[in-house]
């Protein structure tokens, strides 16, 4: 990649950024989209623009966001948004503090070095020579200027560690303040209990749970909600809701058909077979009414059976004191770790109900199996990622796909391909990964959606480190030096040391695209 290709990559990415920002500003001003962009304000009964100055400037919201205090953010959008802003400010701080040393010190140190670089010594495999003069590759071996780069490594590390430590302390205080806030949330009064032992003879599951927690928390225990297997109930309920909607639609059609010309109206009809397309034709309103009555009775009967016979080994415990709930979520409730496991309750919509009944040992086995699958995923993903990083260079495309040579040799097409092809291929390839990792995390038996997302994020981090950074760099280097390593296996380290810097240009444009 030459310098013009790099500038093309940056310019195109910036143009895409501007287009997306303008599109975002236009969409959030549409009245129909207020529920998407201003949900917290609408839930609080406020006007979407209350407290904001409506401006024709499409980027005015950025100034308003930057001028808002942390208290304003927490009041309007919650602690999660404030924590996200802390993350963004920390990342920006690391960038700024690193730049204070890297830009005014390292760039002049490298650029003013009087080293004549040969084509084979370029850090970009001879394709990025203009920027090589600003890199460590422009300084000869054993030159005193190399100390500047070593000091820069420690400076960037210190800046990152210090700012991350400050952010951790700040986020911890935000969480503590939120927990102690008078605006308590319902889930702060509850805990989730799993791994409940077998029901003693003569007791129901609910009686067992109530007795156990009343004994431990006699003054603060409020009530319990035993988790049940609702698969059949949910299926009947969904079917019932479907017929209710059809009944409402049929009644609406019948009401609209009444007029001066036809005061009695025309009653709609339907067929009783598959999708209303086959079977006997009947009066739609009467048919749907009968189905609603039939399914309502069936649902009521199944609910009674579920509450009696399908109670599972998990429950939600409610207290009348959130301090007690917080203490209970961090305490052992039995001498054996595999019984009466208690964790803090998430929001009701966050609970993964199907995972609550999985016992301790099943969760442990699932966890180890999932970790093994993730290991295999990381290992085998490295193969296609390494191939992508190696094959999507222009030289290799022309070598292995010679029919593309006339197209690739066009100056404008060549510039665009050099700027984006390897990075786009990798980004599209990785786009499939988060959904797969989230599915694996839920399969572990994790009790809440947010916890599963956090687990998936951790897996994605390891995947990125091992595959994107190590896989791309080592894979590309091995692809280029494989024959030499076969001839002289003892030269592997030296060959990799010479080949790895060639991946620097890949990550410059990869970051620009991301």
Protein backbone atom coordinates (compact mmCIF):
# COMPACT_ATOMS: atom_id res chain seq x y z
CA UNK A 1 0.00 0.00 0.00
CA UNK A 2 1.38 3.40 -0.96
CA UNK A 3 0.71 6.67 0.83
CA UNK A 4 -2.11 7.67 -1.54
CA UNK A 5 -3.94 4.43 -0.76
CA UNK A 6 -3.71 5.14 2.94
CA UNK A 7 -5.07 8.67 2.44
CA UNK A 8 -7.88 7.23 0.30
CA UNK A 9 -8.77 4.88 3.14
CA UNK A 10 -8.88 7.69 5.69
CA UNK A 11 -10.80 10.08 3.43
CA UNK A 12 -13.40 7.50 2.45
CA UNK A 13 -13.90 6.44 6.08
CA UNK A 14 -14.36 10.08 7.09
CA UNK A 15 -16.94 10.66 4.34
CA UNK A 16 -18.85 7.54 5.45
CA UNK A 17 -18.72 8.88 9.01
CA UNK A 18 -20.20 12.24 7.95
CA UNK A 19 -22.96 10.57 5.93
CA UNK A 20 -23.91 8.32 8.84
CA UNK A 21 -23.90 11.25 11.29
CA UNK A 22 -26.20 13.30 9.05
CA UNK A 23 -28.48 10.29 8.57
CA UNK A 24 -28.58 9.74 12.34
CA UNK A 25 -29.49 13.40 12.94
CA UNK A 26 -32.25 13.30 10.32
CA UNK A 27 -33.74 10.05 11.63
CA UNK A 28 -33.82 11.14 15.27
CA UNK A 29 -35.76 14.28 14.35
CA UNK A 30 -38.53 12.29 12.70
CA UNK A 31 -41.55 12.20 15.10
CA UNK A 32 -42.11 8.51 14.42
CA UNK A 33 -38.60 7.70 15.66
CA UNK A 34 -38.85 9.45 19.02
CA UNK A 35 -39.60 6.15 20.78
CA UNK A 36 -36.26 4.84 19.46
CA UNK A 37 -34.04 7.83 20.21
CA UNK A 38 -35.75 9.27 23.32
CA UNK A 39 -37.25 6.25 25.17
CA UNK A 40 -36.23 7.39 28.66
CA UNK A 41 -37.76 10.85 28.20
CA UNK A 42 -41.02 9.41 26.89
CA UNK A 43 -41.22 6.88 29.75
CA UNK A 44 -40.80 9.76 32.21
CA UNK A 45 -43.63 11.70 30.54
CA UNK A 46 -41.28 14.37 29.17
CA UNK A 47 -41.17 15.98 25.76
CA UNK A 48 -38.32 14.51 23.66
CA UNK A 49 -36.76 17.96 23.23
CA UNK A 50 -37.39 19.23 26.75
CA UNK A 51 -34.27 20.98 28.05
CA UNK A 52 -32.61 20.93 24.62
CA UNK A 53 -32.35 23.73 22.13
CA UNK A 54 -33.61 22.56 18.74
CA UNK A 55 -31.10 23.72 16.13
CA UNK A 56 -30.79 23.44 12.38
CA UNK A 57 -27.15 22.44 12.84
CA UNK A 58 -27.06 18.64 12.37
CA UNK A 59 -24.13 18.36 14.80
CA UNK A 60 -25.54 20.59 17.55
CA UNK A 61 -26.40 17.52 19.62
CA UNK A 62 -22.68 16.74 19.96
CA UNK A 63 -22.10 20.10 21.68
CA UNK A 64 -25.10 19.51 23.93
CA UNK A 65 -23.85 16.02 24.83
CA UNK A 66 -20.39 17.35 25.68
CA UNK A 67 -21.79 20.20 27.77
CA UNK A 68 -24.04 17.90 29.84
CA UNK A 69 -22.82 17.02 33.31
CA UNK A 70 -22.59 13.45 34.53
CA UNK A 71 -25.52 14.09 36.87
CA UNK A 72 -27.64 15.16 33.87
CA UNK A 73 -26.70 12.00 31.99
CA UNK A 74 -27.58 9.78 34.95
CA UNK A 75 -30.87 11.59 35.54
CA UNK A 76 -31.97 11.32 31.90
CA UNK A 77 -30.42 8.05 30.69
CA UNK A 78 -29.28 6.09 33.72
CA UNK A 79 -25.99 4.87 35.16
CA UNK A 80 -25.26 2.56 32.20
CA UNK A 81 -25.00 5.54 29.84
CA UNK A 82 -22.73 7.39 32.28
CA UNK A 83 -20.46 4.33 32.50
CA UNK A 84 -20.32 4.18 28.70
CA UNK A 85 -19.25 7.83 28.62
CA UNK A 86 -16.55 7.01 31.18
CA UNK A 87 -15.32 4.30 28.83
CA UNK A 88 -15.25 6.69 25.87
CA UNK A 89 -13.47 9.43 27.85
CA UNK A 90 -10.91 6.90 29.11
CA UNK A 91 -10.16 5.70 25.59
CA UNK A 92 -9.86 9.31 24.41
CA UNK A 93 -7.61 10.11 27.37
CA UNK A 94 -5.28 7.22 26.55
CA UNK A 95 -5.11 8.47 22.96
CA UNK A 96 -4.38 12.07 24.00
CA UNK A 97 -1.81 11.22 26.69
CA UNK A 98 -0.04 8.83 24.33
CA UNK A 99 -0.07 11.44 21.56
CA UNK A 100 1.56 14.02 23.83
CA UNK A 101 4.75 11.97 23.66
CA UNK A 102 4.42 10.03 20.43
CA UNK A 103 3.68 12.88 18.03
CA UNK A 104 6.14 15.61 19.12
CA UNK A 105 8.96 13.20 20.09
CA UNK A 106 8.87 9.95 18.11
CA UNK A 107 7.93 11.37 14.72
CA UNK A 108 10.84 13.88 14.62
CA UNK A 109 13.22 11.27 16.08
CA UNK A 110 12.37 8.83 13.29
CA UNK A 111 12.03 11.36 10.47
CA UNK A 112 15.38 13.07 11.14
CA UNK A 113 17.36 9.83 11.23
CA UNK A 114 19.92 9.73 8.43
CA UNK A 115 19.46 6.09 7.54
CA UNK A 116 19.25 4.98 3.93
CA UNK A 117 16.64 2.23 3.77
CA UNK A 118 16.84 -0.50 1.20
CA UNK A 119 13.71 -1.94 -0.35
CA UNK A 120 14.18 -5.20 1.53
CA UNK A 121 14.43 -3.31 4.85
CA UNK A 122 11.09 -1.56 4.63
CA UNK A 123 8.67 -2.31 7.45
CA UNK A 124 5.89 -2.63 4.91
CA UNK A 125 7.38 -5.13 2.51
CA UNK A 126 8.24 -2.40 0.06
CA UNK A 127 4.68 -1.13 -0.32
CA UNK A 128 4.46 1.71 2.21
CA UNK A 129 7.81 3.45 1.83
CA UNK A 130 6.56 7.00 2.46
CA UNK A 131 5.50 6.25 6.00
CA UNK A 132 8.50 4.05 6.75
CA UNK A 133 10.48 7.23 7.39
CA UNK A 134 8.22 7.93 10.38
CA UNK A 135 8.64 4.48 11.92
CA UNK A 136 11.23 2.65 13.99
CA UNK A 137 12.34 0.92 10.80
CA UNK A 138 14.00 4.17 9.69
CA UNK A 139 16.50 3.93 12.55
CA UNK A 140 19.53 1.72 12.21
CA UNK A 141 20.43 -0.97 14.71
CA UNK A 142 22.15 0.04 17.99
CA UNK A 143 21.32 3.69 17.40
CA UNK A 144 20.78 5.77 20.55
CA UNK A 145 17.46 7.01 19.09
CA UNK A 146 15.94 3.60 19.81
CA UNK A 147 15.78 4.59 23.47
CA UNK A 148 12.99 7.03 22.57
CA UNK A 149 10.83 4.17 21.33
CA UNK A 150 11.52 2.11 24.45
CA UNK A 151 10.57 5.05 26.67
CA UNK A 152 7.44 5.57 24.55
CA UNK A 153 6.39 1.98 25.24
CA UNK A 154 6.57 2.58 28.99
CA UNK A 155 4.82 5.95 28.66
CA UNK A 156 1.85 4.51 26.74
CA UNK A 157 1.60 1.62 29.22
CA UNK A 158 1.69 3.98 32.19
CA UNK A 159 -0.96 6.27 30.65
CA UNK A 160 -3.24 3.31 29.91
CA UNK A 161 -2.86 1.71 33.35
CA UNK A 162 -3.32 4.98 35.23
CA UNK A 163 -6.42 6.07 33.31
CA UNK A 164 -7.97 2.61 33.54
CA UNK A 165 -7.39 2.62 37.31
CA UNK A 166 -9.05 6.05 37.59
CA UNK A 167 -11.98 4.86 35.46
CA UNK A 168 -12.42 1.72 37.59
CA UNK A 169 -12.56 3.77 40.81
CA UNK A 170 -15.02 6.22 39.25
CA UNK A 171 -17.32 3.50 37.90
CA UNK A 172 -17.24 1.73 41.27
CA UNK A 173 -18.37 4.93 42.98
CA UNK A 174 -21.13 5.42 40.39
CA UNK A 175 -22.41 1.91 41.06
CA UNK A 176 -22.29 2.41 44.82
CA UNK A 177 -24.20 5.70 44.52
CA UNK A 178 -26.81 4.03 42.30
CA UNK A 179 -27.31 1.21 44.81
CA UNK A 180 -27.73 3.70 47.66
CA UNK A 181 -29.99 6.03 45.69
CA UNK A 182 -33.50 6.59 47.12
CA UNK A 183 -34.89 5.76 43.66
CA UNK A 184 -34.77 2.02 44.28
CA UNK A 185 -35.60 -0.48 41.53
CA UNK A 186 -37.75 -3.55 42.06
CA UNK A 187 -34.92 -5.98 41.31
CA UNK A 188 -32.85 -4.50 44.15
CA UNK A 189 -35.27 -6.13 46.60
CA UNK A 190 -34.93 -9.60 45.06
CA UNK A 191 -32.46 -12.45 44.63
CA UNK A 192 -32.47 -15.54 42.40
CA UNK A 193 -32.10 -18.91 44.12
CA UNK A 194 -30.93 -21.98 42.19
CA UNK A 195 -29.99 -25.55 43.04
CA UNK A 196 -32.86 -26.00 45.51
CA UNK A 197 -32.73 -29.54 47.01
CA UNK A 198 -35.46 -32.14 46.56
CA UNK A 199 -38.78 -31.31 48.17
CA UNK A 200 -39.24 -32.95 51.59
CA UNK A 201 -42.18 -35.30 51.91
CA UNK A 202 -45.37 -33.51 52.87
CA UNK A 203 -44.28 -30.10 51.50
CA UNK A 204 -44.65 -28.29 48.21
CA UNK A 205 -41.74 -26.52 46.57
CA UNK A 206 -43.10 -23.11 47.59
CA UNK A 207 -43.57 -24.20 51.20
CA UNK A 208 -40.00 -25.53 51.23
CA UNK A 209 -38.57 -22.25 49.91
CA UNK A 210 -40.70 -20.03 52.17
CA UNK A 211 -39.82 -22.03 55.28
CA UNK A 212 -36.09 -22.00 54.49
CA UNK A 213 -35.82 -18.25 53.94
CA UNK A 214 -38.22 -17.28 56.73
CA UNK A 215 -35.90 -19.14 59.10
CA UNK A 216 -32.83 -17.20 57.90
CA UNK A 217 -34.52 -13.81 57.36
CA UNK A 218 -37.54 -13.77 59.69
CA UNK A 219 -38.02 -9.99 59.65
CA UNK A 220 -37.16 -9.09 56.05
CA UNK A 221 -38.44 -12.04 53.96
CA UNK A 222 -41.49 -10.98 51.94
CA UNK A 223 -42.49 -13.72 49.49
CA UNK A 224 -41.17 -16.18 46.92
CA UNK A 225 -41.92 -16.94 43.29
CA UNK A 226 -41.09 -20.50 42.30
CA UNK A 227 -39.90 -20.94 38.70
CA UNK A 228 -42.07 -23.30 36.66
CA UNK A 229 -41.77 -25.01 33.28
CA UNK A 230 -44.04 -22.82 31.17
CA UNK A 231 -43.30 -24.20 27.70
CA UNK A 232 -46.74 -25.70 27.18
CA UNK A 233 -48.50 -22.73 28.83
CA UNK A 234 -46.59 -20.27 26.65
CA UNK A 235 -47.48 -22.22 23.51
CA UNK A 236 -51.20 -22.15 24.39
CA UNK A 237 -50.99 -18.46 25.31
CA UNK A 238 -49.32 -17.53 22.00
CA UNK A 239 -52.01 -19.45 20.11
CA UNK A 240 -54.73 -17.72 22.15
CA UNK A 241 -53.27 -14.28 21.45
CA UNK A 242 -53.15 -15.09 17.75
CA UNK A 243 -56.88 -15.90 17.66
CA UNK A 244 -57.68 -12.78 19.71
CA UNK A 245 -55.91 -10.63 17.12
CA UNK A 246 -57.75 -12.40 14.31
CA UNK A 247 -61.05 -11.88 16.14
CA UNK A 248 -60.35 -8.15 16.57
CA UNK A 249 -59.48 -7.85 12.89
CA UNK A 250 -62.64 -9.72 11.82
CA UNK A 251 -64.83 -7.51 14.04
CA UNK A 252 -63.17 -4.39 12.62
CA UNK A 253 -63.79 -5.57 9.04
CA UNK A 254 -67.43 -6.33 9.89
CA UNK A 255 -67.92 -2.89 11.50
CA UNK A 256 -66.39 -1.11 8.51
CA UNK A 257 -68.62 -3.02 6.09
CA UNK A 258 -71.75 -1.45 7.60
CA UNK A 259 -73.01 1.58 5.73
CA UNK A 260 -76.07 3.27 4.31
CA UNK A 261 -76.15 0.90 1.36
CA UNK A 262 -75.63 -2.17 3.55
CA UNK A 263 -76.70 -1.37 7.16
CA UNK A 264 -76.36 -5.00 8.29
CA UNK A 265 -72.88 -5.28 6.86
CA UNK A 266 -71.08 -8.34 5.52
CA UNK A 267 -69.77 -10.84 8.03
CA UNK A 268 -66.25 -12.01 7.17
CA UNK A 269 -65.54 -15.67 6.58
CA UNK A 270 -62.52 -17.92 6.95
CA UNK A 271 -61.50 -21.51 6.37
CA UNK A 272 -60.72 -23.86 9.23
CA UNK A 273 -57.79 -25.57 7.54
CA UNK A 274 -54.11 -24.72 7.10
CA UNK A 275 -53.41 -20.95 7.32
CA UNK A 276 -57.09 -20.24 6.64
CA UNK A 277 -56.65 -21.39 3.04
CA UNK A 278 -58.02 -24.93 3.23
CA UNK A 279 -60.99 -26.60 4.87
CA UNK A 280 -64.58 -25.69 5.50
CA UNK A 281 -65.64 -22.05 5.10
CA UNK A 282 -67.22 -20.67 8.29
CA UNK A 283 -68.23 -17.36 9.86
CA UNK A 284 -64.91 -15.81 11.02
CA UNK A 285 -66.26 -13.99 14.11
CA UNK A 286 -68.12 -17.03 15.45
CA UNK A 287 -65.19 -19.35 14.69
CA UNK A 288 -62.61 -17.11 16.38
CA UNK A 289 -64.89 -16.58 19.39
CA UNK A 290 -65.19 -20.33 19.85
CA UNK A 291 -61.41 -20.79 19.57
CA UNK A 292 -60.77 -18.01 22.11
CA UNK A 293 -63.19 -19.59 24.62
CA UNK A 294 -61.74 -23.05 24.04
CA UNK A 295 -58.13 -21.93 24.43
CA UNK A 296 -58.93 -19.76 27.46
CA UNK A 297 -60.28 -22.80 29.32
CA UNK A 298 -57.34 -24.88 28.14
CA UNK A 299 -54.88 -22.21 29.29
CA UNK A 300 -56.48 -21.93 32.72
CA UNK A 301 -56.37 -25.69 33.18
CA UNK A 302 -52.74 -25.94 32.06
CA UNK A 303 -51.72 -23.09 34.36
CA UNK A 304 -53.10 -24.99 37.36
CA UNK A 305 -51.22 -28.13 36.32
CA UNK A 306 -48.02 -26.15 35.80
CA UNK A 307 -48.21 -24.44 39.21
CA UNK A 308 -48.82 -27.79 40.92
CA UNK A 309 -46.68 -30.31 39.04
CA UNK A 310 -44.07 -28.39 37.05
CA UNK A 311 -42.26 -26.41 39.73
CA UNK A 312 -38.50 -26.38 39.23
CA UNK A 313 -35.46 -26.14 41.49
CA UNK A 314 -35.21 -22.34 41.24
CA UNK A 315 -37.08 -19.38 42.68
CA UNK A 316 -37.06 -15.60 42.99
CA UNK A 317 -37.02 -14.38 46.60
CA UNK A 318 -38.38 -10.92 47.51
CA UNK A 319 -37.35 -8.99 50.61
CA UNK A 320 -38.78 -5.82 52.13
CA UNK A 321 -35.27 -4.40 52.52
CA UNK A 322 -32.78 -3.98 49.68
CA UNK A 323 -29.81 -4.08 52.04
CA UNK A 324 -30.85 -7.58 53.05
CA UNK A 325 -31.26 -8.54 49.38
CA UNK A 326 -27.75 -7.25 48.59
CA UNK A 327 -26.29 -9.16 51.55
CA UNK A 328 -28.17 -12.34 50.63
CA UNK A 329 -26.85 -12.24 47.06
CA UNK A 330 -23.27 -12.33 48.39
CA UNK A 331 -23.72 -14.96 51.10
CA UNK A 332 -23.59 -18.75 51.24
CA UNK A 333 -26.88 -20.30 52.32
CA UNK A 334 -25.76 -23.88 52.82
CA UNK A 335 -22.69 -25.83 53.85
CA UNK A 336 -22.56 -27.39 50.37
CA UNK A 337 -21.74 -25.08 47.50
CA UNK A 338 -23.99 -26.99 45.10
CA UNK A 339 -27.25 -26.24 46.96
CA UNK A 340 -29.21 -23.05 47.63
CA UNK A 341 -27.05 -20.96 45.27
CA UNK A 342 -28.10 -17.30 45.52
CA UNK A 343 -27.26 -14.48 43.08
CA UNK A 344 -28.53 -10.93 42.66
CA UNK A 345 -31.71 -10.65 40.61
CA UNK A 346 -31.49 -8.82 37.27
CA UNK A 347 -34.38 -6.97 35.65
CA UNK A 348 -37.30 -9.35 34.90
CA UNK A 349 -36.83 -8.91 31.15
CA UNK A 350 -33.16 -9.91 31.53
CA UNK A 351 -33.82 -13.31 33.10
CA UNK A 352 -33.13 -16.39 30.99
CA UNK A 353 -35.87 -18.49 32.57
CA UNK A 354 -34.93 -21.72 30.82
CA UNK A 355 -31.45 -21.58 32.38
CA UNK A 356 -32.59 -21.16 35.99
CA UNK A 357 -33.47 -24.82 36.50
CA UNK A 358 -30.07 -26.14 35.39
CA UNK A 359 -28.28 -27.57 38.41
CA UNK A 360 -24.78 -26.76 39.63
CA UNK A 361 -22.98 -29.74 38.10
CA UNK A 362 -24.78 -29.40 34.77
CA UNK A 363 -23.66 -25.78 34.59
CA UNK A 364 -20.07 -26.74 35.40
CA UNK A 365 -20.01 -29.40 32.69
CA UNK A 366 -21.62 -27.05 30.19
CA UNK A 367 -19.08 -24.36 31.05
CA UNK A 368 -16.09 -26.64 30.37
CA UNK A 369 -17.65 -27.94 27.16
CA UNK A 370 -18.33 -24.38 25.96
CA UNK A 371 -14.76 -23.32 26.80
CA UNK A 372 -13.48 -26.25 24.76
CA UNK A 373 -15.73 -25.28 21.84
CA UNK A 374 -14.50 -21.69 22.08
CA UNK A 375 -10.91 -22.95 22.06
CA UNK A 376 -11.61 -24.98 18.92
CA UNK A 377 -13.38 -21.99 17.39
CA UNK A 378 -10.40 -19.74 18.05
CA UNK A 379 -7.98 -22.35 16.75
CA UNK A 380 -9.87 -23.19 13.56
CA UNK A 381 -10.92 -19.61 12.89
CA UNK A 382 -7.23 -18.80 12.71
CA UNK A 383 -6.93 -20.88 9.56
CA UNK A 384 -9.45 -18.92 7.41
CA UNK A 385 -8.38 -15.60 8.95
CA UNK A 386 -4.75 -16.36 8.15
CA UNK A 387 -5.71 -17.30 4.59
CA UNK A 388 -7.80 -14.15 4.20
CA UNK A 389 -4.99 -11.91 5.44
CA UNK A 390 -2.52 -13.61 3.12
CA UNK A 391 -4.64 -14.00 0.00
CA UNK A 392 -6.27 -10.57 -0.05
CA UNK A 393 -3.06 -8.70 -0.83
CA UNK A 394 -2.81 -7.48 -4.41
CA UNK A 395 0.38 -9.44 -5.11
CA UNK A 396 -1.24 -12.71 -4.04
CA UNK A 397 -4.48 -11.94 -5.89
CA UNK A 398 -2.55 -11.46 -9.12
CA UNK A 399 -0.48 -14.55 -8.39
CA UNK A 400 -3.28 -16.98 -7.57
CA UNK A 401 -6.09 -15.34 -9.60
CA UNK A 402 -4.31 -14.14 -12.76
CA UNK A 403 -7.56 -13.33 -14.58
CA UNK A 404 -8.00 -10.38 -12.14
CA UNK A 405 -4.70 -8.81 -13.19
CA UNK A 406 -6.20 -6.42 -15.83
CA UNK A 407 -8.69 -5.14 -13.24
CA UNK A 408 -6.23 -4.91 -10.37
CA UNK A 409 -3.70 -3.00 -12.47
CA UNK A 410 -6.14 -0.12 -13.00
CA UNK A 411 -4.73 2.74 -10.85
CA UNK A 412 -8.00 3.80 -9.21
CA UNK A 413 -9.24 0.26 -8.59
CA UNK A 414 -5.79 -0.70 -7.29
CA UNK A 415 -5.84 2.18 -4.81
CA UNK A 416 -9.29 1.23 -3.47
CA UNK A 417 -8.45 -2.45 -3.24
CA UNK A 418 -5.21 -1.78 -1.39
CA UNK A 419 -7.02 0.50 1.02
CA UNK A 420 -9.97 -1.73 1.87
CA UNK A 421 -9.90 -5.29 0.55
CA UNK A 422 -8.05 -7.16 3.35
CA UNK A 423 -9.76 -5.15 6.10
CA UNK A 424 -13.28 -5.52 4.67
CA UNK A 425 -12.80 -9.25 4.20
CA UNK A 426 -11.76 -9.64 7.84
CA UNK A 427 -14.53 -7.34 9.19
CA UNK A 428 -17.25 -9.20 7.25
CA UNK A 429 -15.82 -12.52 8.37
CA UNK A 430 -15.86 -11.43 12.02
CA UNK A 431 -19.41 -10.03 11.80
CA UNK A 432 -20.78 -13.56 12.18
CA UNK A 433 -18.88 -14.20 15.40
CA UNK A 434 -20.74 -12.20 18.14
CA UNK A 435 -24.06 -14.00 17.60
CA UNK A 436 -22.34 -17.37 17.77
CA UNK A 437 -20.46 -16.49 20.97
CA UNK A 438 -23.66 -15.15 22.57
CA UNK A 439 -25.41 -18.42 21.75
CA UNK A 440 -22.56 -20.37 23.38
CA UNK A 441 -22.63 -18.13 26.46
CA UNK A 442 -26.36 -18.69 26.96
CA UNK A 443 -25.80 -22.44 26.59
CA UNK A 444 -23.53 -22.33 29.67
CA UNK A 445 -26.59 -21.89 31.88
CA UNK A 446 -26.01 -18.20 32.67
CA UNK A 447 -29.09 -16.74 34.43
CA UNK A 448 -29.41 -13.33 32.74
CA UNK A 449 -29.14 -11.76 29.30
CA UNK A 450 -26.68 -9.05 30.40
CA UNK A 451 -24.43 -11.65 32.08
CA UNK A 452 -24.49 -13.71 28.87
CA UNK A 453 -23.53 -10.64 26.83
CA UNK A 454 -20.66 -9.92 29.21
CA UNK A 455 -19.46 -13.53 28.90
CA UNK A 456 -19.69 -13.31 25.10
CA UNK A 457 -17.70 -10.05 25.18
CA UNK A 458 -14.95 -11.76 27.17
CA UNK A 459 -14.79 -14.59 24.64
CA UNK A 460 -14.72 -12.07 21.80
CA UNK A 461 -11.81 -10.26 23.46
CA UNK A 462 -9.72 -13.43 23.62
CA UNK A 463 -10.73 -14.23 20.08
CA UNK A 464 -9.65 -10.79 18.86
CA UNK A 465 -6.29 -10.98 20.59
CA UNK A 466 -5.49 -14.53 19.47
CA UNK A 467 -6.95 -14.40 15.99
CA UNK A 468 -7.17 -10.85 14.67
CA UNK A 469 -3.87 -9.60 16.04
CA UNK A 470 -1.77 -12.73 16.42
CA UNK A 471 -3.51 -14.71 13.66
CA UNK A 472 -3.25 -11.97 11.04
CA UNK A 473 0.35 -11.04 11.81
CA UNK A 474 1.76 -14.54 12.26
CA UNK A 475 -0.42 -16.02 9.51
CA UNK A 476 0.66 -13.42 6.99
CA UNK A 477 4.31 -13.79 7.98
CA UNK A 478 4.23 -17.60 7.78
CA UNK A 479 2.50 -17.46 4.40
CA UNK A 480 5.29 -15.32 2.99
CA UNK A 481 8.21 -17.23 4.55
CA UNK A 482 6.90 -20.80 4.58
CA UNK A 483 9.33 -22.10 1.96
CA UNK A 484 12.31 -20.51 3.70
CA UNK A 485 11.25 -22.05 7.02
CA UNK A 486 11.01 -25.46 5.34
CA UNK A 487 14.53 -25.10 4.06
CA UNK A 488 15.98 -23.76 7.34
CA UNK A 489 13.67 -24.52 10.29
CA UNK A 490 16.15 -23.02 12.76
CA UNK A 491 15.68 -19.61 11.13
CA UNK A 492 11.95 -19.36 12.03
CA UNK A 493 12.38 -16.70 14.72
CA UNK A 494 14.61 -14.50 12.59
CA UNK A 495 12.33 -14.79 9.54
CA UNK A 496 9.23 -13.94 11.60
CA UNK A 497 11.01 -10.97 13.14
CA UNK A 498 11.68 -9.61 9.65
CA UNK A 499 8.22 -10.41 8.28
CA UNK A 500 5.95 -9.32 11.15
CA UNK A 501 6.43 -5.54 10.69
CA UNK A 502 4.88 -5.91 7.25
CA UNK A 503 1.46 -6.26 8.90
CA UNK A 504 1.64 -2.71 10.26
CA UNK A 505 -0.13 -1.23 7.25
CA UNK A 506 -2.95 -3.75 7.55
CA UNK A 507 -3.79 -2.56 11.06
CA UNK A 508 -3.51 1.12 10.14
CA UNK A 509 -6.37 0.75 7.67
CA UNK A 510 -8.18 -1.84 9.82
CA UNK A 511 -8.44 0.68 12.67
CA UNK A 512 -9.48 3.43 10.24
CA UNK A 513 -12.31 1.25 8.93
CA UNK A 514 -13.45 0.11 12.38
